[in-house]
Amino acid sequence: MNERIFTLNTHVRFSDKRSVVTEIVTNENSSIAVWGVRPGQKVEDHFHPDGQDTWVMLQGTLTYYLGDSENRTLSPGELALAQQGQVHGAVNEGTEDAVFVSIYSAPKIGYVKAAP
């Protein structure tokens, strides 16, 4: 991998239908993506059976699901850590587009939609 510095706002995408994840880079150690979440959109509750998912909030706010009916507002500059097997997800209840970076450790951590 030759590129080491990435301009995130050139990678973030939005859709009027659903939140959008855009992969930026994947290597043998991790996978890094940027998410665009419009007001009212969700990142469905899920967990990763094979690794950890770290979110770094860049813009807007999200109501982040911690599991067990517990939520917390994520604001720019905050980091949320979901260790292997921990349910997490989010909804944009604000009026501004939300953007966050997701860092998967290791690059293939699996995805399992959480039961309602």
N, C-alpha and C. Protein backbone atom coordinates (compact mmCIF):
# COMPACT_ATOMS: atom_id res chain seq x y z
N MET A 1 0.85 -1.18 0.00
CA MET A 1 0.00 0.00 0.00
C MET A 1 0.89 1.24 0.00
N ASN A 2 0.78 2.03 -1.04
CA ASN A 2 1.59 3.23 -1.15
C ASN A 2 0.94 4.42 -0.47
N GLU A 3 -0.37 4.52 -0.57
CA GLU A 3 -1.07 5.66 0.00
C GLU A 3 -1.19 5.50 1.51
N ARG A 4 -0.84 6.55 2.26
CA ARG A 4 -0.89 6.49 3.71
C ARG A 4 -1.75 7.58 4.33
N ILE A 5 -2.09 8.59 3.56
CA ILE A 5 -2.93 9.69 4.06
C ILE A 5 -4.15 9.79 3.17
N PHE A 6 -5.33 9.86 3.79
CA PHE A 6 -6.59 9.86 3.05
C PHE A 6 -7.42 11.07 3.46
N THR A 7 -8.02 11.72 2.50
CA THR A 7 -8.93 12.83 2.74
C THR A 7 -10.34 12.26 2.83
N LEU A 8 -10.87 12.19 4.04
CA LEU A 8 -12.11 11.46 4.29
C LEU A 8 -13.31 12.06 3.57
N ASN A 9 -13.40 13.39 3.49
CA ASN A 9 -14.59 13.97 2.87
C ASN A 9 -14.69 13.66 1.38
N THR A 10 -13.61 13.19 0.75
CA THR A 10 -13.71 12.79 -0.65
C THR A 10 -14.24 11.36 -0.78
N HIS A 11 -14.30 10.62 0.32
CA HIS A 11 -14.76 9.23 0.30
C HIS A 11 -16.18 9.06 0.82
N VAL A 12 -16.64 9.97 1.67
CA VAL A 12 -17.97 9.80 2.28
C VAL A 12 -19.06 9.94 1.21
N ARG A 13 -20.06 9.07 1.29
CA ARG A 13 -21.19 9.07 0.36
C ARG A 13 -22.48 9.08 1.16
N PHE A 14 -23.52 9.62 0.56
CA PHE A 14 -24.85 9.65 1.17
C PHE A 14 -25.88 9.14 0.19
N SER A 15 -26.96 8.61 0.73
CA SER A 15 -28.10 8.16 -0.07
C SER A 15 -29.36 8.63 0.63
N ASP A 16 -30.37 8.95 -0.14
CA ASP A 16 -31.65 9.32 0.47
C ASP A 16 -32.37 8.11 1.03
N LYS A 17 -31.93 6.88 0.68
CA LYS A 17 -32.63 5.67 1.08
C LYS A 17 -32.08 5.03 2.35
N ARG A 18 -30.75 5.04 2.54
CA ARG A 18 -30.15 4.36 3.69
C ARG A 18 -28.75 4.89 3.94
N SER A 19 -28.22 4.56 5.12
CA SER A 19 -26.84 4.94 5.42
C SER A 19 -25.90 4.23 4.45
N VAL A 20 -24.76 4.87 4.19
CA VAL A 20 -23.82 4.35 3.19
C VAL A 20 -22.44 4.18 3.82
N VAL A 21 -21.88 2.99 3.66
CA VAL A 21 -20.51 2.72 4.11
C VAL A 21 -19.62 2.62 2.87
N THR A 22 -18.47 3.30 2.92
CA THR A 22 -17.51 3.29 1.82
C THR A 22 -16.16 2.84 2.36
N GLU A 23 -15.68 1.72 1.84
CA GLU A 23 -14.38 1.21 2.27
C GLU A 23 -13.28 2.14 1.77
N ILE A 24 -12.34 2.46 2.65
CA ILE A 24 -11.22 3.31 2.28
C ILE A 24 -9.97 2.46 2.03
N VAL A 25 -9.68 1.57 2.96
CA VAL A 25 -8.49 0.73 2.82
C VAL A 25 -8.68 -0.56 3.62
N THR A 26 -8.16 -1.65 3.09
CA THR A 26 -8.13 -2.93 3.79
C THR A 26 -6.76 -3.54 3.61
N ASN A 27 -6.20 -4.04 4.71
CA ASN A 27 -4.94 -4.78 4.62
C ASN A 27 -5.01 -5.95 5.58
N GLU A 28 -3.90 -6.63 5.81
CA GLU A 28 -3.93 -7.83 6.64
C GLU A 28 -4.21 -7.53 8.12
N ASN A 29 -4.14 -6.29 8.53
CA ASN A 29 -4.32 -5.93 9.94
C ASN A 29 -5.68 -5.33 10.27
N SER A 30 -6.27 -4.63 9.30
CA SER A 30 -7.51 -3.91 9.59
C SER A 30 -8.22 -3.51 8.31
N SER A 31 -9.44 -3.02 8.50
CA SER A 31 -10.22 -2.45 7.41
C SER A 31 -10.78 -1.13 7.93
N ILE A 32 -10.69 -0.09 7.11
CA ILE A 32 -11.15 1.23 7.52
C ILE A 32 -12.16 1.74 6.50
N ALA A 33 -13.29 2.22 7.03
CA ALA A 33 -14.37 2.70 6.16
C ALA A 33 -14.92 4.00 6.73
N VAL A 34 -15.60 4.76 5.88
CA VAL A 34 -16.28 5.98 6.32
C VAL A 34 -17.77 5.81 6.03
N TRP A 35 -18.59 6.26 6.96
CA TRP A 35 -20.05 6.15 6.86
C TRP A 35 -20.68 7.52 6.69
N GLY A 36 -21.71 7.60 5.85
CA GLY A 36 -22.56 8.78 5.72
C GLY A 36 -23.97 8.41 6.15
N VAL A 37 -24.49 9.11 7.15
CA VAL A 37 -25.80 8.78 7.72
C VAL A 37 -26.65 10.06 7.76
N ARG A 38 -27.66 10.11 6.93
CA ARG A 38 -28.55 11.28 6.90
C ARG A 38 -29.52 11.24 8.08
N PRO A 39 -30.12 12.39 8.43
CA PRO A 39 -31.11 12.40 9.49
C PRO A 39 -32.21 11.35 9.26
N GLY A 40 -32.53 10.61 10.31
CA GLY A 40 -33.56 9.58 10.25
C GLY A 40 -33.04 8.21 9.83
N GLN A 41 -31.83 8.14 9.32
CA GLN A 41 -31.28 6.85 8.88
C GLN A 41 -30.60 6.11 10.02
N LYS A 42 -30.49 4.79 9.85
CA LYS A 42 -29.93 3.92 10.87
C LYS A 42 -28.71 3.15 10.36
N VAL A 43 -27.90 2.75 11.29
CA VAL A 43 -26.94 1.67 11.10
C VAL A 43 -27.52 0.56 11.97
N GLU A 44 -28.06 -0.47 11.33
CA GLU A 44 -28.80 -1.52 12.05
C GLU A 44 -27.97 -2.13 13.17
N ASP A 45 -28.65 -2.50 14.26
CA ASP A 45 -27.99 -3.17 15.37
C ASP A 45 -27.38 -4.48 14.88
N HIS A 46 -26.12 -4.71 15.24
CA HIS A 46 -25.39 -5.88 14.76
C HIS A 46 -24.21 -6.14 15.69
N PHE A 47 -23.51 -7.24 15.45
CA PHE A 47 -22.25 -7.49 16.14
C PHE A 47 -21.30 -8.21 15.20
N HIS A 48 -20.05 -8.24 15.58
CA HIS A 48 -19.01 -8.86 14.78
C HIS A 48 -18.42 -10.03 15.58
N PRO A 49 -18.59 -11.26 15.09
CA PRO A 49 -18.12 -12.42 15.84
C PRO A 49 -16.61 -12.61 15.82
N ASP A 50 -15.91 -11.93 14.92
CA ASP A 50 -14.49 -12.21 14.75
C ASP A 50 -13.57 -11.01 14.92
N GLY A 51 -14.04 -9.95 15.56
CA GLY A 51 -13.16 -8.80 15.75
C GLY A 51 -13.89 -7.61 16.35
N GLN A 52 -13.17 -6.54 16.52
CA GLN A 52 -13.66 -5.33 17.16
C GLN A 52 -13.96 -4.26 16.12
N ASP A 53 -14.95 -3.41 16.42
CA ASP A 53 -15.36 -2.31 15.55
C ASP A 53 -15.25 -1.02 16.33
N THR A 54 -14.38 -0.11 15.88
CA THR A 54 -14.17 1.17 16.54
C THR A 54 -14.72 2.28 15.65
N TRP A 55 -15.60 3.10 16.21
CA TRP A 55 -16.17 4.23 15.46
C TRP A 55 -15.56 5.53 15.98
N VAL A 56 -15.17 6.40 15.06
CA VAL A 56 -14.67 7.74 15.40
C VAL A 56 -15.61 8.74 14.75
N MET A 57 -16.32 9.48 15.58
CA MET A 57 -17.33 10.43 15.10
C MET A 57 -16.66 11.70 14.59
N LEU A 58 -17.02 12.09 13.36
CA LEU A 58 -16.41 13.27 12.73
C LEU A 58 -17.36 14.45 12.59
N GLN A 59 -18.64 14.16 12.29
CA GLN A 59 -19.60 15.24 11.99
C GLN A 59 -20.98 14.81 12.43
N GLY A 60 -21.78 15.78 12.89
CA GLY A 60 -23.14 15.48 13.31
C GLY A 60 -23.14 14.69 14.61
N THR A 61 -24.30 14.11 14.92
CA THR A 61 -24.41 13.28 16.11
C THR A 61 -25.19 12.01 15.75
N LEU A 62 -24.94 10.97 16.50
CA LEU A 62 -25.68 9.72 16.38
C LEU A 62 -26.10 9.26 17.77
N THR A 63 -27.26 8.63 17.83
CA THR A 63 -27.65 7.92 19.04
C THR A 63 -27.11 6.51 18.87
N TYR A 64 -26.11 6.17 19.67
CA TYR A 64 -25.36 4.92 19.55
C TYR A 64 -25.94 3.90 20.51
N TYR A 65 -26.24 2.72 19.99
CA TYR A 65 -26.82 1.65 20.78
C TYR A 65 -25.71 0.83 21.43
N LEU A 66 -25.73 0.77 22.76
CA LEU A 66 -24.72 0.04 23.52
C LEU A 66 -25.16 -1.36 23.90
N GLY A 67 -26.39 -1.72 23.60
CA GLY A 67 -26.94 -3.01 24.01
C GLY A 67 -27.73 -2.87 25.30
N ASP A 68 -28.54 -3.88 25.60
CA ASP A 68 -29.36 -3.89 26.82
C ASP A 68 -30.19 -2.62 26.98
N SER A 69 -30.74 -2.12 25.86
CA SER A 69 -31.60 -0.92 25.84
C SER A 69 -30.88 0.34 26.29
N GLU A 70 -29.56 0.35 26.25
CA GLU A 70 -28.79 1.53 26.65
C GLU A 70 -28.28 2.25 25.41
N ASN A 71 -28.48 3.58 25.36
CA ASN A 71 -28.04 4.42 24.26
C ASN A 71 -27.16 5.55 24.78
N ARG A 72 -26.36 6.09 23.88
CA ARG A 72 -25.53 7.24 24.23
C ARG A 72 -25.37 8.09 22.98
N THR A 73 -25.39 9.39 23.12
CA THR A 73 -25.16 10.29 21.99
C THR A 73 -23.67 10.35 21.69
N LEU A 74 -23.33 10.11 20.42
CA LEU A 74 -21.95 10.26 19.95
C LEU A 74 -21.83 11.60 19.25
N SER A 75 -20.84 12.37 19.63
CA SER A 75 -20.60 13.69 19.06
C SER A 75 -19.22 13.72 18.42
N PRO A 76 -18.97 14.71 17.54
CA PRO A 76 -17.66 14.80 16.89
C PRO A 76 -16.52 14.77 17.92
N GLY A 77 -15.50 14.00 17.57
CA GLY A 77 -14.34 13.87 18.45
C GLY A 77 -14.44 12.70 19.42
N GLU A 78 -15.61 12.03 19.48
CA GLU A 78 -15.76 10.89 20.38
C GLU A 78 -15.51 9.59 19.63
N LEU A 79 -15.10 8.59 20.40
CA LEU A 79 -14.79 7.26 19.89
C LEU A 79 -15.66 6.25 20.62
N ALA A 80 -16.25 5.33 19.87
CA ALA A 80 -17.06 4.25 20.45
C ALA A 80 -16.40 2.92 20.10
N LEU A 81 -16.27 2.06 21.08
CA LEU A 81 -15.60 0.78 20.88
C LEU A 81 -16.58 -0.36 21.12
N ALA A 82 -16.76 -1.21 20.11
CA ALA A 82 -17.56 -2.43 20.23
C ALA A 82 -16.60 -3.60 20.10
N GLN A 83 -16.34 -4.25 21.21
CA GLN A 83 -15.45 -5.39 21.18
C GLN A 83 -16.13 -6.57 20.51
N GLN A 84 -15.37 -7.57 20.19
CA GLN A 84 -15.89 -8.77 19.54
C GLN A 84 -17.14 -9.26 20.26
N GLY A 85 -18.24 -9.43 19.48
CA GLY A 85 -19.49 -9.95 20.01
C GLY A 85 -20.40 -8.93 20.67
N GLN A 86 -19.98 -7.67 20.85
CA GLN A 86 -20.83 -6.66 21.47
C GLN A 86 -21.77 -6.05 20.44
N VAL A 87 -23.07 -6.07 20.74
CA VAL A 87 -24.07 -5.49 19.85
C VAL A 87 -23.91 -3.97 19.85
N HIS A 88 -24.03 -3.39 18.65
CA HIS A 88 -23.97 -1.95 18.50
C HIS A 88 -24.70 -1.55 17.23
N GLY A 89 -25.05 -0.31 17.13
CA GLY A 89 -25.74 0.27 15.98
C GLY A 89 -26.02 1.73 16.30
N ALA A 90 -26.72 2.42 15.42
CA ALA A 90 -26.96 3.84 15.67
C ALA A 90 -28.11 4.34 14.81
N VAL A 91 -28.63 5.49 15.21
CA VAL A 91 -29.62 6.20 14.42
C VAL A 91 -29.27 7.69 14.47
N ASN A 92 -29.46 8.36 13.35
CA ASN A 92 -29.25 9.80 13.30
C ASN A 92 -30.58 10.47 13.63
N GLU A 93 -30.72 10.90 14.87
CA GLU A 93 -31.93 11.58 15.31
C GLU A 93 -31.80 13.10 15.20
N GLY A 94 -30.69 13.56 14.66
CA GLY A 94 -30.44 14.99 14.53
C GLY A 94 -30.97 15.55 13.22
N THR A 95 -30.56 16.77 12.91
CA THR A 95 -30.98 17.46 11.69
C THR A 95 -29.83 17.62 10.71
N GLU A 96 -28.64 17.17 11.10
CA GLU A 96 -27.43 17.31 10.28
C GLU A 96 -26.94 15.92 9.85
N ASP A 97 -26.36 15.85 8.65
CA ASP A 97 -25.74 14.60 8.22
C ASP A 97 -24.66 14.20 9.23
N ALA A 98 -24.56 12.90 9.49
CA ALA A 98 -23.54 12.38 10.40
C ALA A 98 -22.49 11.63 9.58
N VAL A 99 -21.24 11.75 10.00
CA VAL A 99 -20.13 11.07 9.36
C VAL A 99 -19.26 10.46 10.46
N PHE A 100 -18.92 9.18 10.28
CA PHE A 100 -17.98 8.55 11.21
C PHE A 100 -17.09 7.57 10.46
N VAL A 101 -15.93 7.32 11.04
CA VAL A 101 -14.99 6.34 10.52
C VAL A 101 -15.16 5.07 11.33
N SER A 102 -15.16 3.93 10.65
CA SER A 102 -15.24 2.63 11.30
C SER A 102 -13.94 1.88 11.02
N ILE A 103 -13.31 1.40 12.10
CA ILE A 103 -12.04 0.68 11.98
C ILE A 103 -12.27 -0.74 12.48
N TYR A 104 -12.14 -1.69 11.59
CA TYR A 104 -12.33 -3.10 11.93
C TYR A 104 -10.98 -3.73 12.20
N SER A 105 -10.87 -4.39 13.33
CA SER A 105 -9.64 -5.09 13.69
C SER A 105 -10.00 -6.53 13.98
N ALA A 106 -9.74 -7.43 13.22
CA ALA A 106 -9.02 -7.61 11.98
C ALA A 106 -9.90 -7.26 10.78
N PRO A 107 -9.36 -7.35 9.57
CA PRO A 107 -10.10 -6.86 8.41
C PRO A 107 -11.39 -7.62 8.12
N LYS A 108 -11.48 -8.89 8.47
CA LYS A 108 -12.70 -9.66 8.23
C LYS A 108 -13.25 -10.09 9.58
N ILE A 109 -14.18 -9.30 10.11
CA ILE A 109 -14.68 -9.54 11.46
C ILE A 109 -16.07 -10.16 11.46
N GLY A 110 -16.64 -10.39 10.28
CA GLY A 110 -17.99 -10.96 10.20
C GLY A 110 -19.04 -9.92 10.54
N TYR A 111 -20.30 -10.28 10.30
CA TYR A 111 -21.43 -9.38 10.57
C TYR A 111 -22.63 -10.24 10.88
N VAL A 112 -23.27 -9.98 12.02
CA VAL A 112 -24.48 -10.69 12.40
C VAL A 112 -25.50 -9.66 12.84
N LYS A 113 -26.65 -9.62 12.17
CA LYS A 113 -27.71 -8.70 12.55
C LYS A 113 -28.25 -9.13 13.90
N ALA A 114 -28.42 -8.18 14.79
CA ALA A 114 -28.90 -8.47 16.13
C ALA A 114 -30.41 -8.77 16.10
N ALA A 115 -30.83 -9.64 17.00
CA ALA A 115 -32.25 -9.97 17.10
C ALA A 115 -33.00 -8.76 17.64
N PRO A 116 -34.23 -8.54 17.15
CA PRO A 116 -34.99 -7.37 17.64
C PRO A 116 -35.33 -7.48 19.10
